[in-house]
């Protein structure tokens, strides 16, 4: 799972940077909120989830891990597309509010699933150097 998250996070980083460069070149910063969300929800959060999988999750239930991954990526995409449409003036807030709400709640549910995997006994290992169950680097 860590590699999947890494690949998706780098894709979001490229999209976010591309949007930032476009805004700078066009002198139109109307998509600033979208740009920030692409980088934070897409890039940073996906990268953090990948790091958690790599360093802390020893044996998460595959179904839970895959559900969390798909939920986060789908919800992030819905949220980011909704923001792009909203701040690009393609649709109004009254039209996009349900979409943005679904995306936001999906991202939150993905976070809660990650928290569950971290707290579930037997799933997470200690991040302390030399702790039992942790391989030496």
C-alpha atoms as a PDB file:
ATOM      1  CA  UNK A   1       0.000   0.000   0.000  1.00  0.00           C
ATOM      2  CA  UNK A   2       2.852   2.398   0.715  1.00  0.00           C
ATOM      3  CA  UNK A   3       3.940   2.381  -2.946  1.00  0.00           C
ATOM      4  CA  UNK A   4       0.372   3.010  -4.155  1.00  0.00           C
ATOM      5  CA  UNK A   5       0.104   5.986  -1.850  1.00  0.00           C
ATOM      6  CA  UNK A   6       3.512   7.255  -2.962  1.00  0.00           C
ATOM      7  CA  UNK A   7       2.562   7.090  -6.647  1.00  0.00           C
ATOM      8  CA  UNK A   8      -0.784   8.828  -6.076  1.00  0.00           C
ATOM      9  CA  UNK A   9       0.818  11.481  -3.867  1.00  0.00           C
ATOM     10  CA  UNK A  10       3.381  12.318  -6.531  1.00  0.00           C
ATOM     11  CA  UNK A  11       0.616  12.568  -9.152  1.00  0.00           C
ATOM     12  CA  UNK A  12      -1.243  15.015  -6.916  1.00  0.00           C
ATOM     13  CA  UNK A  13       1.997  16.964  -6.410  1.00  0.00           C
ATOM     14  CA  UNK A  14       2.451  17.276 -10.178  1.00  0.00           C
ATOM     15  CA  UNK A  15      -1.182  18.408 -10.613  1.00  0.00           C
ATOM     16  CA  UNK A  16      -0.902  20.914  -7.769  1.00  0.00           C
ATOM     17  CA  UNK A  17       2.378  22.327  -9.028  1.00  0.00           C
ATOM     18  CA  UNK A  18       1.029  22.506 -12.571  1.00  0.00           C
ATOM     19  CA  UNK A  19      -2.011  24.420 -11.344  1.00  0.00           C
ATOM     20  CA  UNK A  20       0.250  26.749  -9.355  1.00  0.00           C
ATOM     21  CA  UNK A  21       2.454  27.425 -12.372  1.00  0.00           C
ATOM     22  CA  UNK A  22      -0.638  28.075 -14.512  1.00  0.00           C
ATOM     23  CA  UNK A  23      -1.963  30.554 -11.944  1.00  0.00           C
ATOM     24  CA  UNK A  24       1.377  32.355 -11.795  1.00  0.00           C
ATOM     25  CA  UNK A  25       1.726  32.525 -15.587  1.00  0.00           C
ATOM     26  CA  UNK A  26      -1.851  33.694 -16.137  1.00  0.00           C
ATOM     27  CA  UNK A  27      -1.835  36.102 -13.165  1.00  0.00           C
ATOM     28  CA  UNK A  28      -5.192  34.561 -12.264  1.00  0.00           C
ATOM     29  CA  UNK A  29      -5.107  33.113  -8.756  1.00  0.00           C
ATOM     30  CA  UNK A  30      -8.780  32.158  -8.676  1.00  0.00           C
ATOM     31  CA  UNK A  31      -7.918  28.492  -8.134  1.00  0.00           C
ATOM     32  CA  UNK A  32      -5.801  29.142  -5.027  1.00  0.00           C
ATOM     33  CA  UNK A  33      -8.146  27.142  -2.787  1.00  0.00           C
ATOM     34  CA  UNK A  34      -8.141  24.228  -5.253  1.00  0.00           C
ATOM     35  CA  UNK A  35      -4.345  24.401  -5.526  1.00  0.00           C
ATOM     36  CA  UNK A  36      -3.973  24.258  -1.729  1.00  0.00           C
ATOM     37  CA  UNK A  37      -6.382  21.326  -1.416  1.00  0.00           C
ATOM     38  CA  UNK A  38      -4.691  19.352  -4.210  1.00  0.00           C
ATOM     39  CA  UNK A  39      -1.371  19.720  -2.426  1.00  0.00           C
ATOM     40  CA  UNK A  40      -2.655  19.121   1.124  1.00  0.00           C
ATOM     41  CA  UNK A  41      -5.424  16.528   0.708  1.00  0.00           C
ATOM     42  CA  UNK A  42      -3.926  14.921  -2.380  1.00  0.00           C
ATOM     43  CA  UNK A  43      -0.154  15.125  -2.047  1.00  0.00           C
ATOM     44  CA  UNK A  44       0.589  15.571   1.650  1.00  0.00           C
ATOM     45  CA  UNK A  45      -2.138  13.357   3.102  1.00  0.00           C
ATOM     46  CA  UNK A  46      -1.521  10.556   0.586  1.00  0.00           C
ATOM     47  CA  UNK A  47       2.202  10.754   1.340  1.00  0.00           C
ATOM     48  CA  UNK A  48       1.555  10.648   5.096  1.00  0.00           C
ATOM     49  CA  UNK A  49      -0.702   7.604   4.646  1.00  0.00           C
ATOM     50  CA  UNK A  50       2.037   5.903   2.623  1.00  0.00           C
ATOM     51  CA  UNK A  51       4.581   6.636   5.365  1.00  0.00           C
ATOM     52  CA  UNK A  52       2.206   5.263   8.004  1.00  0.00           C
ATOM     53  CA  UNK A  53       1.778   2.063   5.983  1.00  0.00           C
ATOM     54  CA  UNK A  54       5.528   1.739   5.514  1.00  0.00           C
ATOM     55  CA  UNK A  55       6.646   2.524   9.055  1.00  0.00           C
ATOM     56  CA  UNK A  56       3.802   1.642  11.391  1.00  0.00           C
ATOM     57  CA  UNK A  57       1.303  -0.788   9.887  1.00  0.00           C
ATOM     58  CA  UNK A  58       2.630  -4.301  10.125  1.00  0.00           C
ATOM     59  CA  UNK A  59      -0.395  -6.418   9.210  1.00  0.00           C
ATOM     60  CA  UNK A  60      -3.513  -4.372   8.446  1.00  0.00           C
ATOM     61  CA  UNK A  61      -6.543  -6.281   7.228  1.00  0.00           C
ATOM     62  CA  UNK A  62      -6.307  -6.147   3.460  1.00  0.00           C
ATOM     63  CA  UNK A  63      -9.997  -5.332   3.022  1.00  0.00           C
ATOM     64  CA  UNK A  64      -9.806  -2.438   5.496  1.00  0.00           C
ATOM     65  CA  UNK A  65      -6.568  -1.103   3.995  1.00  0.00           C
ATOM     66  CA  UNK A  66      -7.922  -1.289   0.446  1.00  0.00           C
ATOM     67  CA  UNK A  67     -11.239   0.291   1.479  1.00  0.00           C
ATOM     68  CA  UNK A  68      -9.368   3.138   3.166  1.00  0.00           C
ATOM     69  CA  UNK A  69      -7.135   3.661   0.119  1.00  0.00           C
ATOM     70  CA  UNK A  70      -9.994   3.676  -2.405  1.00  0.00           C
ATOM     71  CA  UNK A  71     -12.175   5.830  -0.152  1.00  0.00           C
ATOM     72  CA  UNK A  72      -9.462   8.442   0.307  1.00  0.00           C
ATOM     73  CA  UNK A  73      -8.522   8.607  -3.375  1.00  0.00           C
ATOM     74  CA  UNK A  74     -12.148   8.724  -4.596  1.00  0.00           C
ATOM     75  CA  UNK A  75     -13.189  11.301  -1.994  1.00  0.00           C
ATOM     76  CA  UNK A  76     -10.124  13.448  -2.694  1.00  0.00           C
ATOM     77  CA  UNK A  77     -10.851  13.355  -6.429  1.00  0.00           C
ATOM     78  CA  UNK A  78     -14.510  14.298  -5.878  1.00  0.00           C
ATOM     79  CA  UNK A  79     -13.528  17.140  -3.540  1.00  0.00           C
ATOM     80  CA  UNK A  80     -10.820  18.468  -5.849  1.00  0.00           C
ATOM     81  CA  UNK A  81     -12.964  18.341  -8.991  1.00  0.00           C
ATOM     82  CA  UNK A  82     -15.773  20.077  -7.089  1.00  0.00           C
ATOM     83  CA  UNK A  83     -13.427  22.822  -5.932  1.00  0.00           C
ATOM     84  CA  UNK A  84     -12.009  23.229  -9.429  1.00  0.00           C
ATOM     85  CA  UNK A  85     -15.514  23.644 -10.855  1.00  0.00           C
ATOM     86  CA  UNK A  86     -16.558  26.016  -8.069  1.00  0.00           C
ATOM     87  CA  UNK A  87     -13.535  28.312  -8.192  1.00  0.00           C
ATOM     88  CA  UNK A  88     -13.419  28.134 -11.983  1.00  0.00           C
ATOM     89  CA  UNK A  89     -16.961  29.475 -12.132  1.00  0.00           C
ATOM     90  CA  UNK A  90     -18.251  26.404 -13.983  1.00  0.00           C
ATOM     91  CA  UNK A  91     -21.013  25.700 -11.447  1.00  0.00           C
ATOM     92  CA  UNK A  92     -22.455  27.459  -8.439  1.00  0.00           C
ATOM     93  CA  UNK A  93     -22.088  26.604  -4.794  1.00  0.00           C
ATOM     94  CA  UNK A  94     -25.729  25.554  -4.584  1.00  0.00           C
ATOM     95  CA  UNK A  95     -25.080  22.908  -7.256  1.00  0.00           C
ATOM     96  CA  UNK A  96     -21.689  21.769  -5.931  1.00  0.00           C
ATOM     97  CA  UNK A  97     -22.412  21.804  -2.178  1.00  0.00           C
ATOM     98  CA  UNK A  98     -23.603  18.158  -2.093  1.00  0.00           C
ATOM     99  CA  UNK A  99     -20.562  17.037  -4.102  1.00  0.00           C
ATOM    100  CA  UNK A 100     -18.176  18.993  -1.877  1.00  0.00           C
ATOM    101  CA  UNK A 101     -19.903  17.616   1.221  1.00  0.00           C
ATOM    102  CA  UNK A 102     -19.582  14.030  -0.002  1.00  0.00           C
ATOM    103  CA  UNK A 103     -15.910  14.560  -0.839  1.00  0.00           C
ATOM    104  CA  UNK A 104     -15.167  16.173   2.519  1.00  0.00           C
ATOM    105  CA  UNK A 105     -16.969  13.484   4.511  1.00  0.00           C
ATOM    106  CA  UNK A 106     -15.230  10.793   2.454  1.00  0.00           C
ATOM    107  CA  UNK A 107     -11.812  12.274   3.266  1.00  0.00           C
ATOM    108  CA  UNK A 108     -12.772  12.357   6.956  1.00  0.00           C
ATOM    109  CA  UNK A 109     -13.963   8.732   6.865  1.00  0.00           C
ATOM    110  CA  UNK A 110     -10.671   7.764   5.217  1.00  0.00           C
ATOM    111  CA  UNK A 111      -8.829   9.456   8.084  1.00  0.00           C
ATOM    112  CA  UNK A 112     -10.948   7.614  10.647  1.00  0.00           C
ATOM    113  CA  UNK A 113     -10.233   4.283   8.922  1.00  0.00           C
ATOM    114  CA  UNK A 114      -6.509   5.047   9.048  1.00  0.00           C
ATOM    115  CA  UNK A 115      -6.836   5.867  12.745  1.00  0.00           C
ATOM    116  CA  UNK A 116      -8.622   2.542  13.258  1.00  0.00           C
ATOM    117  CA  UNK A 117      -5.795   0.647  11.526  1.00  0.00           C
ATOM    118  CA  UNK A 118      -3.169   2.437  13.614  1.00  0.00           C
ATOM    119  CA  UNK A 119      -4.996   1.789  16.891  1.00  0.00           C
ATOM    120  CA  UNK A 120      -6.160  -1.785  16.156  1.00  0.00           C
ATOM    121  CA  UNK A 121      -4.195  -4.243  18.318  1.00  0.00           C
ATOM    122  CA  UNK A 122      -1.772  -6.378  16.331  1.00  0.00           C
ATOM    123  CA  UNK A 123      -1.814  -4.053  13.315  1.00  0.00           C
ATOM    124  CA  UNK A 124       0.611  -1.281  14.178  1.00  0.00           C
ATOM    125  CA  UNK A 125       4.174  -1.654  15.378  1.00  0.00           C
ATOM    126  CA  UNK A 126       6.058   0.828  17.484  1.00  0.00           C
ATOM    127  CA  UNK A 127       8.046   3.479  15.684  1.00  0.00           C
ATOM    128  CA  UNK A 128      10.586   3.617  18.501  1.00  0.00           C
ATOM    129  CA  UNK A 129      14.086   2.481  17.466  1.00  0.00           C
ATOM    130  CA  UNK A 130      14.849  -0.961  18.849  1.00  0.00           C
ATOM    131  CA  UNK A 131      11.236  -1.585  19.920  1.00  0.00           C
ATOM    132  CA  UNK A 132       9.982  -5.180  19.716  1.00  0.00           C
ATOM    133  CA  UNK A 133       8.561  -5.985  16.306  1.00  0.00           C
ATOM    134  CA  UNK A 134      10.537  -3.194  14.631  1.00  0.00           C
ATOM    135  CA  UNK A 135      13.363  -4.102  12.316  1.00  0.00           C
ATOM    136  CA  UNK A 136      16.615  -2.217  12.737  1.00  0.00           C
ATOM    137  CA  UNK A 137      17.378   0.190   9.907  1.00  0.00           C
END
